[in-house]
Amino acid sequence: MHFKTIFNRVTEYKPFVVDHVHLVEHDSGPVMEVTMRARGNGQPECSDCGNRCPGYDSMPTPRRFDFIPMWMIPVVLIYTMRRVQCATCGVKVERVPWATGKNQLTTEYQWFLAGWARRMSWKDVAVSFRVSWDHVYNSVKHAVSGQRTQPENSVRVQRYVASLPEGDCEEGAAGDSYSGPLSRDAEDEQSD
């Protein structure tokens, strides 16, 4: 079975297709680069309102999004973002199904890291999957706040929030530490 087939089976990126997959050797080791492209028959979505809009132009350089590693080989999605001409919002960058905003981690990878953060310390997750402590922290933060932004996942998120351990978290890479549980209430207090 090809990697492209496995990738298409575990993801649902309907308006996009895998253009090609390459295993690239870097000094740090091999990286699986998955180049994505938009289907020719679809219009991009506005990242603010979600309406389908005509394309405006494309960004000059492609963006890289970290996906769940396969056999501890990092997987990176590469996609040249388009801008859309939205009648309501003006010119905006398109919405992609694998990431939100300027986040370089895919949503699937954030849920993956947050799931492991339930089972072991955040520092151990960062070391095990070769990511920064901040990526683990932001993944847990995304999982906790996901209840407000992703109503279809609310039951899964509620179970996740209920299972979070009380107490202090491991120290961050820069020596910063977060003390206390990461919960919806703590999130609301921090955003005020």
C-alpha atoms as a PDB file:
ATOM      1  CA  MET A   1       0.000   0.000   0.000  1.00  0.00           C
ATOM      2  CA  HIS A   2       1.335   3.446  -0.917  1.00  0.00           C
ATOM      3  CA  PHE A   3       1.735   6.278   1.609  1.00  0.00           C
ATOM      4  CA  LYS A   4      -0.579   8.405  -0.536  1.00  0.00           C
ATOM      5  CA  THR A   5      -3.341   5.778  -0.183  1.00  0.00           C
ATOM      6  CA  ILE A   6      -2.883   5.559   3.589  1.00  0.00           C
ATOM      7  CA  PHE A   7      -2.855   9.353   3.894  1.00  0.00           C
ATOM      8  CA  ASN A   8      -6.076   9.735   1.880  1.00  0.00           C
ATOM      9  CA  ARG A   9      -7.740   7.019   3.944  1.00  0.00           C
ATOM     10  CA  VAL A  10      -7.016   8.635   7.342  1.00  0.00           C
ATOM     11  CA  THR A  11      -7.714  12.254   6.339  1.00  0.00           C
ATOM     12  CA  GLU A  12     -10.765  13.966   4.896  1.00  0.00           C
ATOM     13  CA  TYR A  13      -9.405  16.866   2.892  1.00  0.00           C
ATOM     14  CA  LYS A  14     -12.094  16.713   0.212  1.00  0.00           C
ATOM     15  CA  PRO A  15     -11.372  19.947  -1.705  1.00  0.00           C
ATOM     16  CA  PHE A  16      -7.655  19.086  -1.800  1.00  0.00           C
ATOM     17  CA  VAL A  17      -5.606  16.239  -3.240  1.00  0.00           C
ATOM     18  CA  VAL A  18      -2.129  14.874  -2.640  1.00  0.00           C
ATOM     19  CA  ASP A  19      -0.035  15.991  -5.586  1.00  0.00           C
ATOM     20  CA  HIS A  20       3.075  13.982  -4.729  1.00  0.00           C
ATOM     21  CA  VAL A  21       5.005  12.468  -1.826  1.00  0.00           C
ATOM     22  CA  HIS A  22       8.787  12.533  -1.425  1.00  0.00           C
ATOM     23  CA  LEU A  23      11.108  11.150   1.220  1.00  0.00           C
ATOM     24  CA  VAL A  24      13.739  13.875   1.596  1.00  0.00           C
ATOM     25  CA  GLU A  25      17.018  13.427   3.473  1.00  0.00           C
ATOM     26  CA  HIS A  26      18.022  16.311   5.750  1.00  0.00           C
ATOM     27  CA  ASP A  27      20.940  16.611   8.181  1.00  0.00           C
ATOM     28  CA  SER A  28      18.525  15.787  11.018  1.00  0.00           C
ATOM     29  CA  GLY A  29      17.201  12.696   9.226  1.00  0.00           C
ATOM     30  CA  PRO A  30      14.548  11.759   6.659  1.00  0.00           C
ATOM     31  CA  VAL A  31      11.356  13.820   6.247  1.00  0.00           C
ATOM     32  CA  MET A  32       8.245  12.725   4.350  1.00  0.00           C
ATOM     33  CA  GLU A  33       7.089  15.757   2.316  1.00  0.00           C
ATOM     34  CA  VAL A  34       3.488  15.610   1.108  1.00  0.00           C
ATOM     35  CA  THR A  35       2.700  18.283  -1.460  1.00  0.00           C
ATOM     36  CA  MET A  36      -0.985  19.210  -1.513  1.00  0.00           C
ATOM     37  CA  ARG A  37      -2.927  21.047  -4.201  1.00  0.00           C
ATOM     38  CA  ALA A  38      -6.478  22.292  -4.505  1.00  0.00           C
ATOM     39  CA  ARG A  39      -8.887  20.455  -6.774  1.00  0.00           C
ATOM     40  CA  GLY A  40      -9.374  22.267 -10.035  1.00  0.00           C
ATOM     41  CA  ASN A  41     -13.176  22.333  -9.772  1.00  0.00           C
ATOM     42  CA  GLY A  42     -13.527  23.933  -6.321  1.00  0.00           C
ATOM     43  CA  GLN A  43     -13.551  27.467  -5.007  1.00  0.00           C
ATOM     44  CA  PRO A  44     -11.549  28.339  -1.892  1.00  0.00           C
ATOM     45  CA  GLU A  45     -13.285  29.229   1.392  1.00  0.00           C
ATOM     46  CA  CYS A  46     -12.847  32.518   3.216  1.00  0.00           C
ATOM     47  CA  SER A  47     -10.965  31.939   6.488  1.00  0.00           C
ATOM     48  CA  ASP A  48     -13.197  34.435   8.352  1.00  0.00           C
ATOM     49  CA  CYS A  49     -16.763  33.646   7.297  1.00  0.00           C
ATOM     50  CA  GLY A  50     -16.347  30.248   5.573  1.00  0.00           C
ATOM     51  CA  ASN A  51     -18.120  31.312   2.351  1.00  0.00           C
ATOM     52  CA  ARG A  52     -16.855  29.944  -0.942  1.00  0.00           C
ATOM     53  CA  CYS A  53     -15.321  32.809  -2.914  1.00  0.00           C
ATOM     54  CA  PRO A  54     -13.427  33.348  -6.144  1.00  0.00           C
ATOM     55  CA  GLY A  55      -9.647  33.191  -5.912  1.00  0.00           C
ATOM     56  CA  TYR A  56      -7.636  36.397  -5.781  1.00  0.00           C
ATOM     57  CA  ASP A  57      -4.042  35.176  -6.032  1.00  0.00           C
ATOM     58  CA  SER A  58      -1.585  32.723  -4.441  1.00  0.00           C
ATOM     59  CA  MET A  59       1.088  33.291  -1.847  1.00  0.00           C
ATOM     60  CA  PRO A  60       4.616  33.466  -3.284  1.00  0.00           C
ATOM     61  CA  THR A  61       6.015  30.627  -1.153  1.00  0.00           C
ATOM     62  CA  PRO A  62       4.392  27.419   0.089  1.00  0.00           C
ATOM     63  CA  ARG A  63       3.655  26.887   3.792  1.00  0.00           C
ATOM     64  CA  ARG A  64       4.733  23.804   5.704  1.00  0.00           C
ATOM     65  CA  PHE A  65       2.433  22.085   8.204  1.00  0.00           C
ATOM     66  CA  ASP A  66       3.654  19.335  10.561  1.00  0.00           C
ATOM     67  CA  PHE A  67       1.524  16.183  10.424  1.00  0.00           C
ATOM     68  CA  ILE A  68       1.583  13.059  12.622  1.00  0.00           C
ATOM     69  CA  PRO A  69       4.929  11.256  12.183  1.00  0.00           C
ATOM     70  CA  MET A  70       4.953   7.860  10.524  1.00  0.00           C
ATOM     71  CA  TRP A  71       7.417   5.380  12.056  1.00  0.00           C
ATOM     72  CA  MET A  72       9.011   8.412  13.786  1.00  0.00           C
ATOM     73  CA  ILE A  73       9.698   9.960  10.376  1.00  0.00           C
ATOM     74  CA  PRO A  74       8.363  13.534  10.392  1.00  0.00           C
ATOM     75  CA  VAL A  75       5.573  14.148   7.879  1.00  0.00           C
ATOM     76  CA  VAL A  76       5.167  17.662   6.491  1.00  0.00           C
ATOM     77  CA  LEU A  77       2.286  18.928   4.348  1.00  0.00           C
ATOM     78  CA  ILE A  78       3.384  21.526   1.822  1.00  0.00           C
ATOM     79  CA  TYR A  79       0.762  23.813   0.319  1.00  0.00           C
ATOM     80  CA  THR A  80       0.790  27.182  -1.440  1.00  0.00           C
ATOM     81  CA  MET A  81      -2.013  29.137   0.220  1.00  0.00           C
ATOM     82  CA  ARG A  82      -4.418  31.077  -1.972  1.00  0.00           C
ATOM     83  CA  ARG A  83      -6.073  34.361  -1.143  1.00  0.00           C
ATOM     84  CA  VAL A  84      -9.782  34.834  -1.791  1.00  0.00           C
ATOM     85  CA  GLN A  85     -11.876  37.835  -2.762  1.00  0.00           C
ATOM     86  CA  CYS A  86     -14.713  37.590  -0.232  1.00  0.00           C
ATOM     87  CA  ALA A  87     -17.717  39.862  -0.790  1.00  0.00           C
ATOM     88  CA  THR A  88     -18.193  40.187   2.986  1.00  0.00           C
ATOM     89  CA  CYS A  89     -14.649  40.177   4.397  1.00  0.00           C
ATOM     90  CA  GLY A  90     -12.488  41.476   1.544  1.00  0.00           C
ATOM     91  CA  VAL A  91      -9.245  39.775   0.520  1.00  0.00           C
ATOM     92  CA  LYS A  92      -8.394  36.977   2.979  1.00  0.00           C
ATOM     93  CA  VAL A  93      -6.248  33.849   3.055  1.00  0.00           C
ATOM     94  CA  GLU A  94      -8.230  30.699   2.316  1.00  0.00           C
ATOM     95  CA  ARG A  95      -9.359  28.222   4.982  1.00  0.00           C
ATOM     96  CA  VAL A  96      -7.683  24.823   4.838  1.00  0.00           C
ATOM     97  CA  PRO A  97      -9.119  21.759   6.617  1.00  0.00           C
ATOM     98  CA  TRP A  98      -5.850  20.649   8.219  1.00  0.00           C
ATOM     99  CA  ALA A  99      -4.891  23.797  10.197  1.00  0.00           C
ATOM    100  CA  THR A 100      -6.322  26.984  11.662  1.00  0.00           C
ATOM    101  CA  GLY A 101      -4.839  30.456  11.457  1.00  0.00           C
ATOM    102  CA  LYS A 102      -1.071  30.637  11.267  1.00  0.00           C
ATOM    103  CA  ASN A 103      -0.570  27.384  13.150  1.00  0.00           C
ATOM    104  CA  GLN A 104       2.172  25.189  11.683  1.00  0.00           C
ATOM    105  CA  LEU A 105       0.791  22.018  13.310  1.00  0.00           C
ATOM    106  CA  THR A 106      -2.096  20.235  11.655  1.00  0.00           C
ATOM    107  CA  THR A 107      -5.249  19.775  13.723  1.00  0.00           C
ATOM    108  CA  GLU A 108      -4.717  15.994  13.685  1.00  0.00           C
ATOM    109  CA  TYR A 109      -1.196  16.417  15.070  1.00  0.00           C
ATOM    110  CA  GLN A 110      -2.477  18.727  17.811  1.00  0.00           C
ATOM    111  CA  TRP A 111      -5.052  16.115  18.895  1.00  0.00           C
ATOM    112  CA  PHE A 112      -2.342  13.432  18.718  1.00  0.00           C
ATOM    113  CA  LEU A 113       0.038  15.400  20.976  1.00  0.00           C
ATOM    114  CA  ALA A 114      -2.786  16.349  23.364  1.00  0.00           C
ATOM    115  CA  GLY A 115      -3.769  12.686  23.657  1.00  0.00           C
ATOM    116  CA  TRP A 116      -0.216  11.710  24.589  1.00  0.00           C
ATOM    117  CA  ALA A 117      -0.053  14.653  27.019  1.00  0.00           C
ATOM    118  CA  ARG A 118      -2.859  12.917  28.982  1.00  0.00           C
ATOM    119  CA  ARG A 119      -0.688   9.824  29.426  1.00  0.00           C
ATOM    120  CA  MET A 120       2.724  11.294  30.237  1.00  0.00           C
ATOM    121  CA  SER A 121       4.333  14.614  31.143  1.00  0.00           C
ATOM    122  CA  TRP A 122       4.308  17.342  28.536  1.00  0.00           C
ATOM    123  CA  LYS A 123       8.102  17.444  28.590  1.00  0.00           C
ATOM    124  CA  ASP A 124       8.258  13.689  27.857  1.00  0.00           C
ATOM    125  CA  VAL A 125       5.806  14.128  24.961  1.00  0.00           C
ATOM    126  CA  ALA A 126       7.971  16.932  23.526  1.00  0.00           C
ATOM    127  CA  VAL A 127      11.136  14.832  23.780  1.00  0.00           C
ATOM    128  CA  SER A 128       9.496  11.642  22.455  1.00  0.00           C
ATOM    129  CA  PHE A 129       8.014  13.286  19.350  1.00  0.00           C
ATOM    130  CA  ARG A 130      10.845  15.795  18.817  1.00  0.00           C
ATOM    131  CA  VAL A 131       8.681  18.889  19.145  1.00  0.00           C
ATOM    132  CA  SER A 132       8.979  21.908  21.392  1.00  0.00           C
ATOM    133  CA  TRP A 133       7.260  22.032  24.766  1.00  0.00           C
ATOM    134  CA  ASP A 134       5.277  25.000  23.398  1.00  0.00           C
ATOM    135  CA  HIS A 135       3.822  22.778  20.653  1.00  0.00           C
ATOM    136  CA  VAL A 136       2.587  20.351  23.312  1.00  0.00           C
ATOM    137  CA  TYR A 137       1.199  23.186  25.446  1.00  0.00           C
ATOM    138  CA  ASN A 138      -0.594  24.761  22.462  1.00  0.00           C
ATOM    139  CA  SER A 139      -1.971  21.359  21.450  1.00  0.00           C
ATOM    140  CA  VAL A 140      -3.490  20.822  24.895  1.00  0.00           C
ATOM    141  CA  LYS A 141      -4.777  24.397  24.855  1.00  0.00           C
ATOM    142  CA  HIS A 142      -6.363  23.709  21.453  1.00  0.00           C
ATOM    143  CA  ALA A 143      -7.970  20.505  22.758  1.00  0.00           C
ATOM    144  CA  VAL A 144      -9.428  22.281  25.771  1.00  0.00           C
ATOM    145  CA  SER A 145     -10.685  25.294  23.829  1.00  0.00           C
ATOM    146  CA  GLY A 146     -11.952  23.041  21.005  1.00  0.00           C
ATOM    147  CA  GLN A 147     -15.271  22.637  22.800  1.00  0.00           C
ATOM    148  CA  ARG A 148     -16.133  26.258  22.053  1.00  0.00           C
ATOM    149  CA  THR A 149     -14.915  26.255  18.454  1.00  0.00           C
ATOM    150  CA  GLN A 150     -15.805  22.723  17.321  1.00  0.00           C
ATOM    151  CA  PRO A 151     -19.294  21.775  18.502  1.00  0.00           C
ATOM    152  CA  GLU A 152     -19.234  18.486  16.580  1.00  0.00           C
ATOM    153  CA  ASN A 153     -16.352  17.331  18.802  1.00  0.00           C
ATOM    154  CA  SER A 154     -17.889  18.538  22.062  1.00  0.00           C
ATOM    155  CA  VAL A 155     -18.412  15.082  23.596  1.00  0.00           C
ATOM    156  CA  ARG A 156     -14.824  14.032  22.855  1.00  0.00           C
ATOM    157  CA  VAL A 157     -13.503  17.342  24.211  1.00  0.00           C
ATOM    158  CA  GLN A 158     -15.623  17.110  27.374  1.00  0.00           C
ATOM    159  CA  ARG A 159     -14.166  13.657  28.062  1.00  0.00           C
ATOM    160  CA  TYR A 160     -10.694  15.027  27.418  1.00  0.00           C
ATOM    161  CA  VAL A 161     -11.169  18.007  29.755  1.00  0.00           C
ATOM    162  CA  ALA A 162     -12.552  15.744  32.485  1.00  0.00           C
ATOM    163  CA  SER A 163      -9.506  13.472  32.226  1.00  0.00           C
ATOM    164  CA  LEU A 164      -6.882  16.243  32.566  1.00  0.00           C
ATOM    165  CA  PRO A 165      -4.762  15.774  35.688  1.00  0.00           C
ATOM    166  CA  GLU A 166      -4.906  18.387  38.416  1.00  0.00           C
ATOM    167  CA  GLY A 167      -1.674  20.016  39.577  1.00  0.00           C
ATOM    168  CA  ASP A 168       1.470  21.442  38.119  1.00  0.00           C
ATOM    169  CA  CYS A 169       2.751  20.798  34.615  1.00  0.00           C
ATOM    170  CA  GLU A 170       6.340  20.145  33.584  1.00  0.00           C
ATOM    171  CA  GLU A 171       8.618  23.107  32.960  1.00  0.00           C
ATOM    172  CA  GLY A 172       8.824  24.541  29.465  1.00  0.00           C
ATOM    173  CA  ALA A 173      11.894  24.564  27.264  1.00  0.00           C
ATOM    174  CA  ALA A 174      12.730  28.144  28.237  1.00  0.00           C
ATOM    175  CA  GLY A 175      12.251  27.467  31.956  1.00  0.00           C
ATOM    176  CA  ASP A 176       8.741  28.889  31.995  1.00  0.00           C
ATOM    177  CA  SER A 177       6.271  26.842  33.926  1.00  0.00           C
ATOM    178  CA  TYR A 178       2.535  26.783  34.089  1.00  0.00           C
ATOM    179  CA  SER A 179       1.065  25.891  37.449  1.00  0.00           C
ATOM    180  CA  GLY A 180      -2.471  24.733  37.888  1.00  0.00           C
ATOM    181  CA  PRO A 181      -4.873  22.744  35.770  1.00  0.00           C
ATOM    182  CA  LEU A 182      -5.537  23.774  32.199  1.00  0.00           C
ATOM    183  CA  SER A 183      -9.308  23.969  32.094  1.00  0.00           C
ATOM    184  CA  ARG A 184     -11.990  25.989  30.384  1.00  0.00           C
ATOM    185  CA  ASP A 185     -12.281  28.206  33.482  1.00  0.00           C
ATOM    186  CA  ALA A 186      -8.527  28.880  33.489  1.00  0.00           C
ATOM    187  CA  GLU A 187      -8.698  29.668  29.781  1.00  0.00           C
ATOM    188  CA  ASP A 188     -11.486  32.199  30.354  1.00  0.00           C
ATOM    189  CA  GLU A 189      -9.540  33.870  33.183  1.00  0.00           C
ATOM    190  CA  GLN A 190      -6.402  34.108  31.044  1.00  0.00           C
ATOM    191  CA  SER A 191      -8.254  35.675  28.114  1.00  0.00           C
ATOM    192  CA  ASP A 192      -9.908  38.394  30.284  1.00  0.00           C
END
